[in-house]
């Protein structure tokens, strides 16, 4: 276990995230719990331990640099990714993890309690139906939808200064060519996840200034 912790700390450092020993322990405990629940509830198709570390923990943590502001929404969070790992390393921020599937949010609620993440709340809803009075500062989406559909779905969560951060595999040139009116690409960053032999890109989208 100690070797696994150190490897996670080293791999997180490689993507620009500093993990303490305690944070690494808690992150790996999250995977233990996910594996346990997955046998009954089928929360993730990724079951091999190394693959879970790469595709759930490290991929989620790669978005840390893109966070802005205090209020963060994770739409289509599934069993809590990227929201839970990012909440673990961003205690000063408030995370709302949103999904329409009750069993996934039951796990997220359980995991947040187990990990003592007081900065995490869950919301069961279709994101298209949401329009909070206070917009979020950053909206995260991993494997949610094509960019045009994503931006249309989350517009109720967004104010003029909101950043929408999309986790993507290959660079989605076709999707970027069809962004809804009023949105633009502010930043694109290719990310190398240690030990993951696949392309990963983080795209930050913002409202178009007129």
N, C-alpha and C. Protein backbone atom coordinates (compact mmCIF):
# COMPACT_ATOMS: atom_id res chain seq x y z
N UNK A 1 0.83 -1.21 0.00
CA UNK A 1 0.00 0.00 0.00
C UNK A 1 0.86 1.25 0.00
N UNK A 2 1.93 1.23 0.80
CA UNK A 2 2.79 2.41 0.86
C UNK A 2 3.39 2.72 -0.51
N UNK A 3 3.75 1.67 -1.24
CA UNK A 3 4.28 1.88 -2.59
C UNK A 3 3.25 2.48 -3.51
N UNK A 4 1.99 2.05 -3.38
CA UNK A 4 0.90 2.59 -4.19
C UNK A 4 0.66 4.07 -3.87
N UNK A 5 0.72 4.39 -2.59
CA UNK A 5 0.57 5.80 -2.18
C UNK A 5 1.65 6.67 -2.80
N UNK A 6 2.89 6.22 -2.70
CA UNK A 6 4.00 7.02 -3.22
C UNK A 6 3.90 7.16 -4.74
N UNK A 7 3.48 6.09 -5.40
CA UNK A 7 3.32 6.16 -6.86
C UNK A 7 2.25 7.17 -7.24
N UNK A 8 1.16 7.19 -6.50
CA UNK A 8 0.10 8.16 -6.77
C UNK A 8 0.60 9.58 -6.53
N UNK A 9 1.33 9.78 -5.45
CA UNK A 9 1.89 11.11 -5.17
C UNK A 9 2.83 11.54 -6.30
N UNK A 10 3.68 10.63 -6.74
CA UNK A 10 4.63 10.95 -7.82
C UNK A 10 3.90 11.25 -9.13
N UNK A 11 2.89 10.44 -9.44
CA UNK A 11 2.15 10.64 -10.70
C UNK A 11 1.33 11.92 -10.66
N UNK A 12 0.79 12.25 -9.49
CA UNK A 12 0.06 13.51 -9.36
C UNK A 12 1.00 14.70 -9.56
N UNK A 13 2.21 14.59 -9.00
CA UNK A 13 3.21 15.65 -9.19
C UNK A 13 3.50 15.85 -10.66
N UNK A 14 3.54 14.76 -11.41
CA UNK A 14 3.84 14.84 -12.85
C UNK A 14 2.78 15.60 -13.63
N UNK A 15 1.55 15.67 -13.10
CA UNK A 15 0.50 16.44 -13.78
C UNK A 15 0.24 17.77 -13.07
N UNK A 16 1.16 18.14 -12.17
CA UNK A 16 1.09 19.46 -11.55
C UNK A 16 0.25 19.57 -10.31
N UNK A 17 -0.04 18.45 -9.66
CA UNK A 17 -0.86 18.46 -8.45
C UNK A 17 -0.04 17.90 -7.28
N UNK A 18 0.03 18.66 -6.20
CA UNK A 18 0.75 18.21 -5.01
C UNK A 18 -0.21 17.50 -4.07
N UNK A 19 0.02 16.22 -3.84
CA UNK A 19 -0.79 15.43 -2.91
C UNK A 19 -0.01 15.20 -1.63
N UNK A 20 -0.65 15.42 -0.50
CA UNK A 20 -0.04 15.02 0.76
C UNK A 20 -0.22 13.51 0.93
N UNK A 21 0.51 12.96 1.89
CA UNK A 21 0.38 11.53 2.17
C UNK A 21 -1.06 11.19 2.58
N UNK A 22 -1.64 12.04 3.40
CA UNK A 22 -3.00 11.80 3.86
C UNK A 22 -4.00 11.86 2.70
N UNK A 23 -3.81 12.82 1.82
CA UNK A 23 -4.71 12.92 0.65
C UNK A 23 -4.59 11.70 -0.24
N UNK A 24 -3.37 11.20 -0.42
CA UNK A 24 -3.17 10.00 -1.22
C UNK A 24 -3.87 8.80 -0.59
N UNK A 25 -3.77 8.68 0.72
CA UNK A 25 -4.45 7.59 1.44
C UNK A 25 -5.96 7.68 1.22
N UNK A 26 -6.50 8.88 1.35
CA UNK A 26 -7.96 9.06 1.19
C UNK A 26 -8.40 8.81 -0.24
N UNK A 27 -7.60 9.23 -1.20
CA UNK A 27 -7.95 9.01 -2.61
C UNK A 27 -7.99 7.51 -2.93
N UNK A 28 -7.02 6.78 -2.41
CA UNK A 28 -7.00 5.34 -2.65
C UNK A 28 -8.13 4.64 -1.88
N UNK A 29 -8.49 5.18 -0.75
CA UNK A 29 -9.63 4.62 0.00
C UNK A 29 -10.92 4.81 -0.80
N UNK A 30 -11.02 5.92 -1.52
CA UNK A 30 -12.17 6.15 -2.40
C UNK A 30 -12.29 5.03 -3.43
N UNK A 31 -11.17 4.62 -3.99
CA UNK A 31 -11.20 3.53 -4.96
C UNK A 31 -11.56 2.21 -4.30
N UNK A 32 -11.08 1.97 -3.09
CA UNK A 32 -11.47 0.75 -2.36
C UNK A 32 -12.98 0.68 -2.22
N UNK A 33 -13.56 1.80 -1.84
CA UNK A 33 -15.01 1.84 -1.61
C UNK A 33 -15.77 1.70 -2.93
N UNK A 34 -15.25 2.34 -3.98
CA UNK A 34 -15.88 2.23 -5.30
C UNK A 34 -15.87 0.79 -5.78
N UNK A 35 -14.76 0.10 -5.59
CA UNK A 35 -14.66 -1.31 -6.00
C UNK A 35 -15.67 -2.15 -5.23
N UNK A 36 -15.81 -1.87 -3.95
CA UNK A 36 -16.74 -2.63 -3.12
C UNK A 36 -18.19 -2.41 -3.59
N UNK A 37 -18.57 -1.17 -3.76
CA UNK A 37 -19.94 -0.86 -4.21
C UNK A 37 -20.18 -1.35 -5.63
N UNK A 38 -19.14 -1.34 -6.44
CA UNK A 38 -19.31 -1.67 -7.85
C UNK A 38 -19.76 -3.12 -8.05
N UNK A 39 -19.40 -3.98 -7.14
CA UNK A 39 -19.79 -5.39 -7.26
C UNK A 39 -21.31 -5.55 -7.17
N UNK A 40 -21.95 -4.64 -6.49
CA UNK A 40 -23.40 -4.71 -6.35
C UNK A 40 -24.14 -3.76 -7.28
N UNK A 41 -23.58 -2.56 -7.46
CA UNK A 41 -24.34 -1.50 -8.14
C UNK A 41 -23.85 -1.16 -9.55
N UNK A 42 -22.77 -1.76 -10.00
CA UNK A 42 -22.25 -1.51 -11.36
C UNK A 42 -22.12 -0.01 -11.65
N UNK A 43 -21.26 0.65 -10.89
CA UNK A 43 -21.09 2.10 -11.00
C UNK A 43 -20.07 2.50 -12.04
N UNK A 44 -19.12 1.62 -12.35
CA UNK A 44 -18.09 1.94 -13.33
C UNK A 44 -17.69 0.68 -14.08
N UNK A 45 -17.36 0.85 -15.36
CA UNK A 45 -16.89 -0.28 -16.16
C UNK A 45 -15.40 -0.52 -15.97
N UNK A 46 -14.73 0.44 -15.35
CA UNK A 46 -13.28 0.32 -15.10
C UNK A 46 -13.09 -0.34 -13.75
N UNK A 47 -12.53 -1.55 -13.74
CA UNK A 47 -12.44 -2.30 -12.50
C UNK A 47 -11.01 -2.65 -12.09
N UNK A 48 -10.07 -2.68 -13.03
CA UNK A 48 -8.68 -2.99 -12.68
C UNK A 48 -8.11 -1.83 -11.86
N UNK A 49 -7.39 -2.15 -10.80
CA UNK A 49 -6.90 -1.13 -9.86
C UNK A 49 -6.05 -0.07 -10.58
N UNK A 50 -5.06 -0.48 -11.35
CA UNK A 50 -4.20 0.48 -12.03
C UNK A 50 -5.00 1.38 -12.96
N UNK A 51 -5.95 0.80 -13.66
CA UNK A 51 -6.78 1.58 -14.58
C UNK A 51 -7.65 2.57 -13.83
N UNK A 52 -8.14 2.19 -12.66
CA UNK A 52 -8.95 3.11 -11.85
C UNK A 52 -8.11 4.30 -11.38
N UNK A 53 -6.88 4.03 -10.99
CA UNK A 53 -5.99 5.12 -10.56
C UNK A 53 -5.75 6.09 -11.72
N UNK A 54 -5.47 5.55 -12.88
CA UNK A 54 -5.19 6.41 -14.05
C UNK A 54 -6.44 7.16 -14.52
N UNK A 55 -7.52 6.39 -14.73
CA UNK A 55 -8.68 6.94 -15.42
C UNK A 55 -9.66 7.67 -14.50
N UNK A 56 -9.62 7.35 -13.20
CA UNK A 56 -10.51 8.04 -12.26
C UNK A 56 -9.75 9.09 -11.45
N UNK A 57 -8.71 8.69 -10.76
CA UNK A 57 -8.01 9.65 -9.89
C UNK A 57 -7.17 10.65 -10.66
N UNK A 58 -6.21 10.16 -11.43
CA UNK A 58 -5.27 11.07 -12.11
C UNK A 58 -5.97 11.91 -13.17
N UNK A 59 -6.85 11.29 -13.94
CA UNK A 59 -7.56 12.05 -14.96
C UNK A 59 -8.38 13.16 -14.32
N UNK A 60 -9.04 12.87 -13.21
CA UNK A 60 -9.81 13.89 -12.50
C UNK A 60 -8.91 15.01 -11.98
N UNK A 61 -7.79 14.63 -11.35
CA UNK A 61 -6.89 15.62 -10.78
C UNK A 61 -6.25 16.52 -11.83
N UNK A 62 -6.18 16.04 -13.07
CA UNK A 62 -5.57 16.85 -14.14
C UNK A 62 -6.33 18.15 -14.37
N UNK A 63 -7.58 18.22 -13.90
CA UNK A 63 -8.37 19.44 -14.08
C UNK A 63 -8.15 20.48 -13.00
N UNK A 64 -7.29 20.20 -12.03
CA UNK A 64 -7.11 21.11 -10.89
C UNK A 64 -6.70 22.52 -11.33
N UNK A 65 -5.79 22.58 -12.29
CA UNK A 65 -5.28 23.89 -12.74
C UNK A 65 -6.36 24.75 -13.39
N UNK A 66 -7.43 24.11 -13.86
CA UNK A 66 -8.47 24.86 -14.57
C UNK A 66 -9.54 25.43 -13.64
N UNK A 67 -9.52 25.03 -12.38
CA UNK A 67 -10.55 25.52 -11.45
C UNK A 67 -10.41 27.01 -11.21
N UNK A 68 -11.55 27.67 -11.14
CA UNK A 68 -11.56 29.11 -10.86
C UNK A 68 -12.73 29.41 -9.93
N UNK A 69 -12.49 30.27 -8.96
CA UNK A 69 -13.57 30.67 -8.06
C UNK A 69 -13.85 29.63 -6.99
N UNK A 70 -14.93 29.87 -6.25
CA UNK A 70 -15.24 29.04 -5.08
C UNK A 70 -16.31 27.99 -5.37
N UNK A 71 -17.29 28.33 -6.22
CA UNK A 71 -18.43 27.43 -6.45
C UNK A 71 -18.19 26.61 -7.71
N UNK A 72 -18.10 25.30 -7.52
CA UNK A 72 -17.78 24.39 -8.62
C UNK A 72 -18.92 23.40 -8.80
N UNK A 73 -19.36 23.21 -10.03
CA UNK A 73 -20.36 22.18 -10.34
C UNK A 73 -19.72 21.11 -11.21
N UNK A 74 -20.01 19.86 -10.89
CA UNK A 74 -19.55 18.71 -11.69
C UNK A 74 -20.81 18.06 -12.26
N UNK A 75 -21.03 18.23 -13.57
CA UNK A 75 -22.26 17.74 -14.18
C UNK A 75 -22.05 16.35 -14.76
N UNK A 76 -23.05 15.48 -14.54
CA UNK A 76 -22.90 14.10 -14.97
C UNK A 76 -21.77 13.42 -14.23
N UNK A 77 -21.71 13.64 -12.92
CA UNK A 77 -20.56 13.19 -12.12
C UNK A 77 -20.42 11.68 -12.05
N UNK A 78 -21.52 10.92 -12.31
CA UNK A 78 -21.43 9.47 -12.18
C UNK A 78 -21.11 9.10 -10.74
N UNK A 79 -20.12 8.23 -10.52
CA UNK A 79 -19.75 7.89 -9.15
C UNK A 79 -18.78 8.89 -8.51
N UNK A 80 -18.78 10.15 -9.02
CA UNK A 80 -18.05 11.20 -8.33
C UNK A 80 -16.78 11.70 -8.97
N UNK A 81 -16.67 11.54 -10.29
CA UNK A 81 -15.44 11.96 -10.97
C UNK A 81 -15.78 12.96 -12.09
N UNK A 82 -15.06 14.08 -12.11
CA UNK A 82 -13.85 14.44 -11.38
C UNK A 82 -14.07 15.09 -10.01
N UNK A 83 -15.32 15.26 -9.60
CA UNK A 83 -15.60 16.09 -8.43
C UNK A 83 -14.97 15.65 -7.13
N UNK A 84 -15.06 14.36 -6.79
CA UNK A 84 -14.53 13.92 -5.49
C UNK A 84 -13.02 14.09 -5.36
N UNK A 85 -12.21 13.63 -6.33
CA UNK A 85 -10.77 13.85 -6.19
C UNK A 85 -10.40 15.33 -6.13
N UNK A 86 -11.10 16.16 -6.90
CA UNK A 86 -10.78 17.59 -6.89
C UNK A 86 -11.21 18.24 -5.58
N UNK A 87 -12.33 17.81 -5.02
CA UNK A 87 -12.75 18.33 -3.71
C UNK A 87 -11.76 17.94 -2.62
N UNK A 88 -11.15 16.79 -2.79
CA UNK A 88 -10.17 16.30 -1.82
C UNK A 88 -8.95 17.21 -1.76
N UNK A 89 -8.56 17.80 -2.88
CA UNK A 89 -7.37 18.66 -2.91
C UNK A 89 -7.73 20.15 -2.95
N UNK A 90 -9.03 20.48 -2.84
CA UNK A 90 -9.47 21.88 -2.90
C UNK A 90 -10.46 22.14 -1.78
N UNK A 91 -10.00 21.99 -0.57
CA UNK A 91 -10.90 22.10 0.59
C UNK A 91 -11.55 23.48 0.70
N UNK A 92 -10.92 24.49 0.10
CA UNK A 92 -11.45 25.85 0.21
C UNK A 92 -12.59 26.11 -0.76
N UNK A 93 -12.85 25.17 -1.66
CA UNK A 93 -13.92 25.34 -2.64
C UNK A 93 -15.14 24.48 -2.29
N UNK A 94 -16.30 24.91 -2.80
CA UNK A 94 -17.55 24.16 -2.58
C UNK A 94 -17.93 23.46 -3.88
N UNK A 95 -18.13 22.16 -3.80
CA UNK A 95 -18.42 21.34 -4.99
C UNK A 95 -19.85 20.81 -4.92
N UNK A 96 -20.59 20.99 -6.00
CA UNK A 96 -21.91 20.38 -6.16
C UNK A 96 -21.80 19.33 -7.26
N UNK A 97 -22.04 18.06 -6.90
CA UNK A 97 -21.91 16.96 -7.84
C UNK A 97 -23.31 16.56 -8.30
N UNK A 98 -23.54 16.67 -9.60
CA UNK A 98 -24.88 16.55 -10.17
C UNK A 98 -24.97 15.32 -11.07
N UNK A 99 -26.01 14.54 -10.87
CA UNK A 99 -26.28 13.41 -11.76
C UNK A 99 -27.77 13.08 -11.67
N UNK A 100 -28.29 12.43 -12.70
CA UNK A 100 -29.71 12.07 -12.68
C UNK A 100 -29.93 10.66 -12.15
N UNK A 101 -28.85 9.90 -11.91
CA UNK A 101 -28.96 8.50 -11.50
C UNK A 101 -28.79 8.39 -9.99
N UNK A 102 -29.84 7.94 -9.32
CA UNK A 102 -29.87 7.94 -7.85
C UNK A 102 -28.78 7.06 -7.25
N UNK A 103 -28.55 5.85 -7.80
CA UNK A 103 -27.59 4.95 -7.18
C UNK A 103 -26.17 5.52 -7.22
N UNK A 104 -25.85 6.28 -8.26
CA UNK A 104 -24.53 6.89 -8.34
C UNK A 104 -24.36 7.96 -7.27
N UNK A 105 -25.41 8.76 -7.07
CA UNK A 105 -25.32 9.81 -6.06
C UNK A 105 -25.35 9.24 -4.65
N UNK A 106 -26.00 8.08 -4.46
CA UNK A 106 -25.93 7.44 -3.14
C UNK A 106 -24.48 7.09 -2.81
N UNK A 107 -23.76 6.61 -3.81
CA UNK A 107 -22.35 6.31 -3.57
C UNK A 107 -21.57 7.59 -3.30
N UNK A 108 -21.81 8.63 -4.09
CA UNK A 108 -21.08 9.89 -3.91
C UNK A 108 -21.31 10.44 -2.50
N UNK A 109 -22.56 10.42 -2.05
CA UNK A 109 -22.89 10.92 -0.71
C UNK A 109 -22.17 10.09 0.36
N UNK A 110 -22.19 8.79 0.19
CA UNK A 110 -21.49 7.89 1.13
C UNK A 110 -19.99 8.17 1.13
N UNK A 111 -19.41 8.29 -0.07
CA UNK A 111 -17.96 8.49 -0.17
C UNK A 111 -17.55 9.84 0.42
N UNK A 112 -18.33 10.87 0.17
CA UNK A 112 -18.01 12.19 0.72
C UNK A 112 -18.05 12.16 2.24
N UNK A 113 -19.02 11.44 2.79
CA UNK A 113 -19.11 11.32 4.26
C UNK A 113 -17.93 10.52 4.81
N UNK A 114 -17.62 9.43 4.14
CA UNK A 114 -16.51 8.57 4.58
C UNK A 114 -15.17 9.31 4.55
N UNK A 115 -14.98 10.13 3.52
CA UNK A 115 -13.73 10.86 3.36
C UNK A 115 -13.74 12.20 4.10
N UNK A 116 -14.86 12.49 4.78
CA UNK A 116 -15.01 13.74 5.54
C UNK A 116 -14.83 14.96 4.64
N UNK A 117 -15.47 14.90 3.49
CA UNK A 117 -15.44 16.01 2.54
C UNK A 117 -16.66 16.90 2.79
N UNK A 118 -16.52 17.83 3.71
CA UNK A 118 -17.65 18.71 4.06
C UNK A 118 -17.93 19.74 2.96
N UNK A 119 -17.05 19.80 1.96
CA UNK A 119 -17.23 20.76 0.86
C UNK A 119 -17.94 20.15 -0.34
N UNK A 120 -18.57 18.98 -0.16
CA UNK A 120 -19.27 18.31 -1.26
C UNK A 120 -20.75 18.18 -0.94
N UNK A 121 -21.60 18.60 -1.88
CA UNK A 121 -23.03 18.32 -1.81
C UNK A 121 -23.44 17.63 -3.10
N UNK A 122 -24.53 16.88 -3.06
CA UNK A 122 -25.01 16.20 -4.26
C UNK A 122 -26.37 16.74 -4.65
N UNK A 123 -26.67 16.61 -5.94
CA UNK A 123 -27.94 17.09 -6.46
C UNK A 123 -28.40 16.12 -7.55
N UNK A 124 -29.54 15.46 -7.31
CA UNK A 124 -30.08 14.55 -8.32
C UNK A 124 -31.02 15.34 -9.22
N UNK A 125 -30.62 15.50 -10.47
CA UNK A 125 -31.41 16.28 -11.42
C UNK A 125 -30.84 16.11 -12.82
N UNK A 126 -31.67 16.41 -13.79
CA UNK A 126 -31.15 16.57 -15.14
C UNK A 126 -30.61 18.00 -15.22
N UNK A 127 -29.37 18.13 -15.61
CA UNK A 127 -28.71 19.44 -15.54
C UNK A 127 -29.44 20.49 -16.37
N UNK A 128 -30.08 20.06 -17.46
CA UNK A 128 -30.80 21.01 -18.33
C UNK A 128 -31.93 21.72 -17.59
N UNK A 129 -32.41 21.11 -16.50
CA UNK A 129 -33.56 21.68 -15.78
C UNK A 129 -33.14 22.66 -14.69
N UNK A 130 -31.84 22.82 -14.48
CA UNK A 130 -31.36 23.61 -13.34
C UNK A 130 -31.11 25.07 -13.72
N UNK A 131 -31.47 25.95 -12.80
CA UNK A 131 -31.18 27.38 -12.99
C UNK A 131 -31.06 28.04 -11.62
N UNK A 132 -29.94 27.79 -10.92
CA UNK A 132 -29.77 28.35 -9.58
C UNK A 132 -29.70 29.87 -9.61
N UNK A 133 -30.06 30.49 -8.49
CA UNK A 133 -30.03 31.96 -8.44
C UNK A 133 -28.61 32.49 -8.53
N UNK A 134 -27.67 31.74 -7.99
CA UNK A 134 -26.26 32.15 -8.06
C UNK A 134 -25.52 31.21 -9.02
N UNK A 135 -24.93 31.76 -10.09
CA UNK A 135 -24.23 30.88 -11.03
C UNK A 135 -22.97 30.28 -10.42
N UNK A 136 -22.51 29.21 -11.03
CA UNK A 136 -21.26 28.59 -10.60
C UNK A 136 -20.07 29.30 -11.23
N UNK A 137 -18.95 29.25 -10.54
CA UNK A 137 -17.73 29.85 -11.07
C UNK A 137 -17.08 28.96 -12.13
N UNK A 138 -17.09 27.65 -11.87
CA UNK A 138 -16.54 26.68 -12.81
C UNK A 138 -17.51 25.51 -12.92
N UNK A 139 -17.77 25.08 -14.14
CA UNK A 139 -18.59 23.90 -14.40
C UNK A 139 -17.70 22.85 -15.05
N UNK A 140 -17.64 21.66 -14.45
CA UNK A 140 -16.80 20.58 -14.95
C UNK A 140 -17.67 19.53 -15.64
N UNK A 141 -17.15 18.97 -16.73
CA UNK A 141 -17.89 17.91 -17.42
C UNK A 141 -16.89 16.91 -17.99
N UNK A 142 -17.03 15.67 -17.57
CA UNK A 142 -16.15 14.62 -18.06
C UNK A 142 -17.02 13.54 -18.70
N UNK A 143 -16.78 13.27 -19.98
CA UNK A 143 -17.56 12.26 -20.71
C UNK A 143 -19.06 12.55 -20.61
N UNK A 144 -19.43 13.81 -20.76
CA UNK A 144 -20.84 14.21 -20.60
C UNK A 144 -21.57 14.25 -21.93
N UNK A 145 -21.03 15.03 -22.87
CA UNK A 145 -21.69 15.20 -24.17
C UNK A 145 -20.74 15.94 -25.10
N UNK A 146 -21.10 15.98 -26.37
CA UNK A 146 -20.36 16.81 -27.31
C UNK A 146 -20.45 18.27 -26.86
N UNK A 147 -19.44 19.06 -27.18
CA UNK A 147 -19.37 20.43 -26.67
C UNK A 147 -20.62 21.26 -26.93
N UNK A 148 -21.19 21.26 -28.15
CA UNK A 148 -22.40 22.07 -28.37
C UNK A 148 -23.54 21.64 -27.44
N UNK A 149 -23.73 20.33 -27.28
CA UNK A 149 -24.79 19.84 -26.40
C UNK A 149 -24.50 20.16 -24.94
N UNK A 150 -23.23 20.04 -24.55
CA UNK A 150 -22.84 20.36 -23.18
C UNK A 150 -23.16 21.81 -22.84
N UNK A 151 -22.75 22.73 -23.70
CA UNK A 151 -22.94 24.15 -23.42
C UNK A 151 -24.42 24.51 -23.38
N UNK A 152 -25.22 23.90 -24.25
CA UNK A 152 -26.66 24.14 -24.20
C UNK A 152 -27.26 23.60 -22.91
N UNK A 153 -26.75 22.46 -22.45
CA UNK A 153 -27.30 21.82 -21.25
C UNK A 153 -26.98 22.61 -19.98
N UNK A 154 -25.80 23.20 -19.91
CA UNK A 154 -25.37 23.83 -18.65
C UNK A 154 -25.61 25.33 -18.60
N UNK A 155 -26.26 25.88 -19.62
CA UNK A 155 -26.37 27.34 -19.66
C UNK A 155 -27.09 27.92 -18.44
N UNK A 156 -28.01 27.14 -17.84
CA UNK A 156 -28.70 27.62 -16.65
C UNK A 156 -27.81 27.73 -15.42
N UNK A 157 -26.65 27.05 -15.45
CA UNK A 157 -25.71 27.09 -14.32
C UNK A 157 -24.70 28.21 -14.46
N UNK A 158 -24.69 28.85 -15.62
CA UNK A 158 -23.59 29.75 -15.97
C UNK A 158 -23.98 31.22 -15.93
N UNK A 159 -23.07 32.02 -15.39
CA UNK A 159 -23.18 33.46 -15.47
C UNK A 159 -22.17 33.99 -16.49
N UNK A 160 -22.04 35.31 -16.60
CA UNK A 160 -21.13 35.89 -17.59
C UNK A 160 -19.67 35.47 -17.41
N UNK A 161 -19.26 35.17 -16.17
CA UNK A 161 -17.85 34.87 -15.91
C UNK A 161 -17.57 33.38 -15.68
N UNK A 162 -18.58 32.53 -15.84
CA UNK A 162 -18.40 31.10 -15.58
C UNK A 162 -17.46 30.47 -16.61
N UNK A 163 -16.60 29.58 -16.13
CA UNK A 163 -15.75 28.76 -17.01
C UNK A 163 -16.34 27.35 -17.07
N UNK A 164 -16.48 26.83 -18.28
CA UNK A 164 -16.91 25.45 -18.47
C UNK A 164 -15.69 24.65 -18.91
N UNK A 165 -15.31 23.66 -18.11
CA UNK A 165 -14.12 22.87 -18.38
C UNK A 165 -14.55 21.47 -18.82
N UNK A 166 -14.24 21.13 -20.06
CA UNK A 166 -14.61 19.83 -20.62
C UNK A 166 -13.38 18.93 -20.69
N UNK A 167 -13.50 17.74 -20.13
CA UNK A 167 -12.45 16.72 -20.20
C UNK A 167 -12.71 15.90 -21.47
N UNK A 168 -11.73 15.88 -22.37
CA UNK A 168 -11.91 15.20 -23.65
C UNK A 168 -10.73 14.26 -23.92
N UNK A 169 -10.95 13.36 -24.84
CA UNK A 169 -9.88 12.49 -25.30
C UNK A 169 -9.12 13.18 -26.42
N UNK A 170 -9.41 12.82 -27.65
CA UNK A 170 -8.79 13.50 -28.79
C UNK A 170 -9.30 14.93 -28.88
N UNK A 171 -8.48 15.80 -29.47
CA UNK A 171 -8.87 17.20 -29.63
C UNK A 171 -10.13 17.28 -30.50
N UNK A 172 -11.23 17.85 -29.98
CA UNK A 172 -12.52 17.79 -30.69
C UNK A 172 -12.72 18.95 -31.67
N UNK A 173 -11.94 18.99 -32.72
CA UNK A 173 -12.01 20.10 -33.68
C UNK A 173 -13.40 20.25 -34.27
N UNK A 174 -14.05 19.15 -34.59
CA UNK A 174 -15.39 19.22 -35.19
C UNK A 174 -16.40 19.84 -34.23
N UNK A 175 -16.30 19.45 -32.96
CA UNK A 175 -17.22 20.01 -31.97
C UNK A 175 -16.97 21.50 -31.76
N UNK A 176 -15.72 21.89 -31.76
CA UNK A 176 -15.38 23.30 -31.56
C UNK A 176 -15.89 24.17 -32.71
N UNK A 177 -15.99 23.58 -33.87
CA UNK A 177 -16.49 24.33 -35.03
C UNK A 177 -17.98 24.61 -34.93
N UNK A 178 -18.66 23.97 -33.99
CA UNK A 178 -20.12 24.11 -33.88
C UNK A 178 -20.55 24.64 -32.52
N UNK A 179 -19.69 25.41 -31.87
CA UNK A 179 -20.06 25.97 -30.57
C UNK A 179 -21.29 26.85 -30.69
N UNK A 180 -22.18 26.81 -29.70
CA UNK A 180 -23.34 27.70 -29.74
C UNK A 180 -22.92 29.17 -29.75
N UNK A 181 -23.74 29.98 -30.33
CA UNK A 181 -23.47 31.42 -30.37
C UNK A 181 -23.30 31.94 -28.94
N UNK A 182 -22.28 32.79 -28.76
CA UNK A 182 -22.05 33.37 -27.44
C UNK A 182 -20.98 32.67 -26.63
N UNK A 183 -20.41 31.58 -27.17
CA UNK A 183 -19.36 30.86 -26.47
C UNK A 183 -18.09 30.82 -27.31
N UNK A 184 -16.94 30.78 -26.61
CA UNK A 184 -15.67 30.66 -27.32
C UNK A 184 -14.71 29.80 -26.50
N UNK A 185 -13.72 29.26 -27.19
CA UNK A 185 -12.67 28.50 -26.52
C UNK A 185 -11.65 29.47 -25.94
N UNK A 186 -11.46 29.41 -24.62
CA UNK A 186 -10.50 30.30 -23.97
C UNK A 186 -9.13 29.64 -23.85
N UNK A 187 -9.14 28.30 -23.70
CA UNK A 187 -7.88 27.60 -23.48
C UNK A 187 -8.04 26.14 -23.82
N UNK A 188 -7.00 25.58 -24.40
CA UNK A 188 -6.95 24.14 -24.64
C UNK A 188 -5.61 23.64 -24.14
N UNK A 189 -5.65 22.51 -23.43
CA UNK A 189 -4.40 21.98 -22.88
C UNK A 189 -4.35 20.47 -23.06
N UNK A 190 -3.31 20.01 -23.76
CA UNK A 190 -3.09 18.57 -23.86
C UNK A 190 -2.49 18.08 -22.55
N UNK A 191 -3.00 16.98 -22.04
CA UNK A 191 -2.56 16.45 -20.75
C UNK A 191 -2.03 15.03 -20.94
N UNK A 192 -0.87 14.77 -20.37
CA UNK A 192 -0.34 13.41 -20.37
C UNK A 192 -0.56 12.81 -19.00
N UNK A 193 -1.45 11.81 -18.94
CA UNK A 193 -1.70 11.10 -17.69
C UNK A 193 -0.69 9.97 -17.59
N UNK A 194 0.13 9.94 -16.54
CA UNK A 194 1.13 8.87 -16.44
C UNK A 194 0.52 7.48 -16.59
N UNK A 195 1.18 6.67 -17.40
CA UNK A 195 0.82 5.26 -17.63
C UNK A 195 -0.49 5.09 -18.41
N UNK A 196 -1.06 6.18 -18.92
CA UNK A 196 -2.28 6.08 -19.72
C UNK A 196 -1.93 6.31 -21.18
N UNK A 197 -2.09 5.31 -21.97
CA UNK A 197 -1.73 5.38 -23.39
C UNK A 197 -2.93 5.86 -24.21
N UNK A 198 -3.29 7.12 -23.99
CA UNK A 198 -4.44 7.69 -24.68
C UNK A 198 -4.33 9.21 -24.64
N UNK A 199 -4.86 9.85 -25.67
CA UNK A 199 -4.87 11.31 -25.70
C UNK A 199 -5.86 11.85 -24.68
N UNK A 200 -5.49 12.95 -24.04
CA UNK A 200 -6.40 13.65 -23.14
C UNK A 200 -6.23 15.14 -23.36
N UNK A 201 -7.34 15.85 -23.42
CA UNK A 201 -7.32 17.30 -23.57
C UNK A 201 -8.31 17.93 -22.58
N UNK A 202 -7.94 19.08 -22.07
CA UNK A 202 -8.83 19.88 -21.24
C UNK A 202 -9.15 21.16 -21.99
N UNK A 203 -10.43 21.42 -22.17
CA UNK A 203 -10.86 22.60 -22.91
C UNK A 203 -11.66 23.51 -21.98
N UNK A 204 -11.27 24.77 -21.91
CA UNK A 204 -11.97 25.74 -21.10
C UNK A 204 -12.74 26.69 -22.01
N UNK A 205 -14.05 26.75 -21.80
CA UNK A 205 -14.94 27.56 -22.64
C UNK A 205 -15.57 28.66 -21.80
N UNK A 206 -15.68 29.83 -22.39
CA UNK A 206 -16.23 30.99 -21.69
C UNK A 206 -17.21 31.72 -22.57
N UNK A 207 -17.99 32.59 -21.95
CA UNK A 207 -18.94 33.42 -22.70
C UNK A 207 -18.16 34.38 -23.61
N UNK A 208 -18.69 34.57 -24.76
CA UNK A 208 -18.12 35.52 -25.71
C UNK A 208 -18.41 36.94 -25.27
N UNK A 209 -17.39 37.77 -25.22
CA UNK A 209 -17.59 39.18 -24.88
C UNK A 209 -17.98 39.94 -26.16
N UNK A 210 -18.95 40.81 -26.02
CA UNK A 210 -19.39 41.60 -27.19
C UNK A 210 -19.05 43.06 -26.99
